[in-house]
Amino acid sequence: MEAIALQAGLGVEGDAHWGATVQHRSRVKANPHQPNLRQVHVISADLFAHLATQGFDVHAGQLGENITLAAAPGLGWYDLITLPVDTRLHFAQGPVLQLTGLRNPCVQIEQFQKGLFAAMLDKTADGQLLRKTGVMAIVLQGGAVQAGDGISIQPPPAPHRPMDRV
């Protein structure tokens, strides 16, 4: 897709996760009134190159992400998932996303390619679980995001909180 429309407080127009309250089935079952912290799913493009080194053939849009960020120094898959909670992504045409947490990989991706679920999980040097499947965000300011749009990253004020799954 060459462009998507973001609506403040709701997410990506036409997406299954669009809404002010949680839309994911398991989360709706637990509490349908909780806020939707998963309005937009963002992945760094270099995750696909990383997966290719492990024998997987995965491309933009195949993991359910709404936005794939071009690989750039300082914005690789690991850089993206280690940004702090509340980091803001400012897109060239005005939209602003606020990062809420990590996307937890779902076992359903095994239907796409065997072994992919395990490839999306790793451990850090200190034994913490590392989820590679990108980040989730809410839409603070709506508008269009088009392929090739520039982006700037605004970390929140310190102290920073690491992201966890949402």
Protein backbone atom coordinates (compact mmCIF):
# COMPACT_ATOMS: atom_id res chain seq x y z
CA MET A 1 0.00 0.00 0.00
CA GLU A 2 1.41 3.39 -0.96
CA ALA A 3 -0.52 5.48 1.63
CA ILE A 4 -2.61 5.08 4.75
CA ALA A 5 -4.90 7.49 6.57
CA LEU A 6 -4.45 7.88 10.31
CA GLN A 7 -7.15 9.28 12.57
CA ALA A 8 -6.22 10.74 15.97
CA GLY A 9 -7.26 8.52 18.86
CA LEU A 10 -8.48 5.73 16.55
CA GLY A 11 -5.70 4.41 14.33
CA VAL A 12 -5.53 3.39 10.67
CA GLU A 13 -8.76 3.91 8.75
CA GLY A 14 -10.11 0.54 7.62
CA ASP A 15 -7.78 -1.52 9.85
CA ALA A 16 -9.05 -4.31 12.13
CA HIS A 17 -7.49 -2.57 15.15
CA TRP A 18 -9.18 0.79 14.45
CA GLY A 19 -10.90 2.21 17.53
CA ALA A 20 -10.47 4.06 20.82
CA THR A 21 -10.91 0.88 22.85
CA VAL A 22 -9.02 -2.38 22.45
CA GLN A 23 -9.91 -4.45 19.38
CA HIS A 24 -7.69 -7.53 19.75
CA ARG A 25 -9.94 -10.54 20.50
CA SER A 26 -8.14 -11.79 23.60
CA ARG A 27 -7.95 -8.30 25.07
CA VAL A 28 -11.62 -7.58 24.32
CA LYS A 29 -12.52 -10.80 26.12
CA ALA A 30 -10.49 -9.71 29.19
CA ASN A 31 -11.83 -6.12 29.25
CA PRO A 32 -13.53 -4.53 26.23
CA HIS A 33 -13.34 -1.05 27.80
CA GLN A 34 -9.55 -0.75 28.08
CA PRO A 35 -7.88 1.87 25.85
CA ASN A 36 -6.52 0.73 22.51
CA LEU A 37 -2.73 0.97 22.78
CA ARG A 38 -2.37 -1.05 19.55
CA GLN A 39 -3.79 1.36 16.96
CA VAL A 40 -0.76 1.23 14.63
CA HIS A 41 1.86 -1.49 14.13
CA VAL A 42 5.29 -0.25 12.98
CA ILE A 43 8.23 -2.39 11.78
CA SER A 44 11.70 -1.44 10.55
CA ALA A 45 12.44 -2.73 7.03
CA ASP A 46 15.77 -4.18 8.06
CA LEU A 47 13.90 -6.81 10.11
CA PHE A 48 13.20 -8.54 6.78
CA ALA A 49 16.93 -8.60 5.94
CA HIS A 50 17.64 -9.93 9.44
CA LEU A 51 15.09 -12.71 8.90
CA ALA A 52 16.56 -13.50 5.46
CA THR A 53 19.87 -14.34 7.15
CA GLN A 54 17.93 -17.04 9.01
CA GLY A 55 16.39 -18.43 5.81
CA PHE A 56 13.01 -16.67 5.89
CA ASP A 57 11.46 -14.87 2.92
CA VAL A 58 9.35 -12.12 4.52
CA HIS A 59 8.50 -8.76 2.98
CA ALA A 60 6.76 -5.52 3.98
CA GLY A 61 3.09 -6.00 4.83
CA GLN A 62 3.30 -9.73 5.47
CA LEU A 63 3.50 -9.48 9.27
CA GLY A 64 0.39 -7.34 9.68
CA GLU A 65 2.25 -4.08 10.08
CA ASN A 66 0.64 -0.81 9.05
CA ILE A 67 3.90 1.09 8.53
CA THR A 68 7.28 -0.23 7.45
CA LEU A 69 10.06 2.24 8.15
CA ALA A 70 12.91 2.33 5.63
CA ALA A 71 16.14 0.96 6.98
CA ALA A 72 18.34 3.82 8.07
CA PRO A 73 21.28 4.26 10.46
CA GLY A 74 19.90 4.45 13.98
CA LEU A 75 16.49 3.10 12.96
CA GLY A 76 17.05 -0.61 12.46
CA TRP A 77 14.77 -3.26 13.92
CA TYR A 78 16.72 -3.37 17.19
CA ASP A 79 16.87 0.45 17.46
CA LEU A 80 13.10 0.66 16.98
CA ILE A 81 12.18 -1.90 19.64
CA THR A 82 14.56 -0.34 22.18
CA LEU A 83 13.09 3.16 21.97
CA PRO A 84 11.41 4.20 25.23
CA VAL A 85 7.66 4.20 25.84
CA ASP A 86 6.04 7.50 24.76
CA THR A 87 8.61 8.20 22.01
CA ARG A 88 6.92 10.19 19.26
CA LEU A 89 7.30 9.53 15.56
CA HIS A 90 6.63 12.67 13.50
CA PHE A 91 5.85 12.00 9.84
CA ALA A 92 6.54 14.54 7.07
CA GLN A 93 2.89 15.30 6.27
CA GLY A 94 1.92 15.92 9.91
CA PRO A 95 0.84 12.65 11.53
CA VAL A 96 2.30 11.91 14.96
CA LEU A 97 2.42 8.48 16.60
CA GLN A 98 3.26 7.79 20.24
CA LEU A 99 4.89 4.43 20.95
CA THR A 100 3.08 2.37 23.56
CA GLY A 101 4.92 -0.95 23.56
CA LEU A 102 6.12 -4.00 21.73
CA ARG A 103 4.06 -6.23 19.51
CA ASN A 104 4.05 -9.74 20.87
CA PRO A 105 4.56 -12.27 18.08
CA CYS A 106 1.59 -14.54 17.53
CA VAL A 107 1.86 -18.25 16.87
CA GLN A 108 -0.35 -17.70 13.80
CA ILE A 109 2.73 -16.55 11.87
CA GLU A 110 3.75 -20.22 11.83
CA GLN A 111 1.02 -20.66 9.19
CA PHE A 112 2.95 -18.18 7.05
CA GLN A 113 6.35 -19.85 7.41
CA LYS A 114 7.37 -22.67 9.76
CA GLY A 115 9.88 -21.54 12.40
CA LEU A 116 9.06 -17.84 12.00
CA PHE A 117 7.49 -17.57 15.45
CA ALA A 118 10.70 -18.76 17.12
CA ALA A 119 12.78 -16.45 14.89
CA MET A 120 10.78 -13.48 16.20
CA LEU A 121 11.90 -14.18 19.77
CA ASP A 122 15.39 -14.02 21.20
CA LYS A 123 17.16 -13.32 24.50
CA THR A 124 19.30 -10.33 25.41
CA ALA A 125 22.73 -10.78 26.99
CA ASP A 126 21.11 -10.49 30.43
CA GLY A 127 18.43 -13.09 29.63
CA GLN A 128 15.48 -10.77 28.92
CA LEU A 129 12.99 -11.86 26.25
CA LEU A 130 13.48 -9.91 23.02
CA ARG A 131 10.40 -9.49 20.81
CA LYS A 132 11.43 -8.54 17.26
CA THR A 133 7.98 -8.00 15.75
CA GLY A 134 8.00 -4.22 15.90
CA VAL A 135 6.24 -1.66 18.03
CA MET A 136 2.68 -0.54 18.65
CA ALA A 137 1.53 3.07 18.80
CA ILE A 138 -1.44 5.36 19.21
CA VAL A 139 -2.24 8.21 16.84
CA LEU A 140 -1.83 11.63 18.46
CA GLN A 141 -2.26 13.62 15.24
CA GLY A 142 -3.93 12.20 12.17
CA GLY A 143 -3.24 12.59 8.49
CA ALA A 144 -1.74 10.67 5.59
CA VAL A 145 1.43 8.62 5.70
CA GLN A 146 2.82 7.84 2.26
CA ALA A 147 5.65 5.66 1.04
CA GLY A 148 8.87 7.66 1.18
CA ASP A 149 7.71 10.16 3.83
CA GLY A 150 10.42 11.47 6.12
CA ILE A 151 10.25 10.82 9.84
CA SER A 152 11.74 12.37 12.94
CA ILE A 153 11.98 10.73 16.34
CA GLN A 154 11.29 12.60 19.57
CA PRO A 155 12.17 10.69 22.75
CA PRO A 156 10.11 11.51 25.86
CA PRO A 157 11.60 13.44 28.77
CA ALA A 158 13.77 11.37 31.11
CA PRO A 159 13.52 9.12 32.97
CA HIS A 160 12.81 6.72 30.11
CA ARG A 161 10.73 3.57 30.50
CA PRO A 162 11.58 0.53 28.36
CA MET A 163 8.80 -0.87 26.20
CA ASP A 164 7.09 -4.10 27.09
CA ARG A 165 4.44 -6.03 25.19
CA VAL A 166 1.03 -4.42 24.76
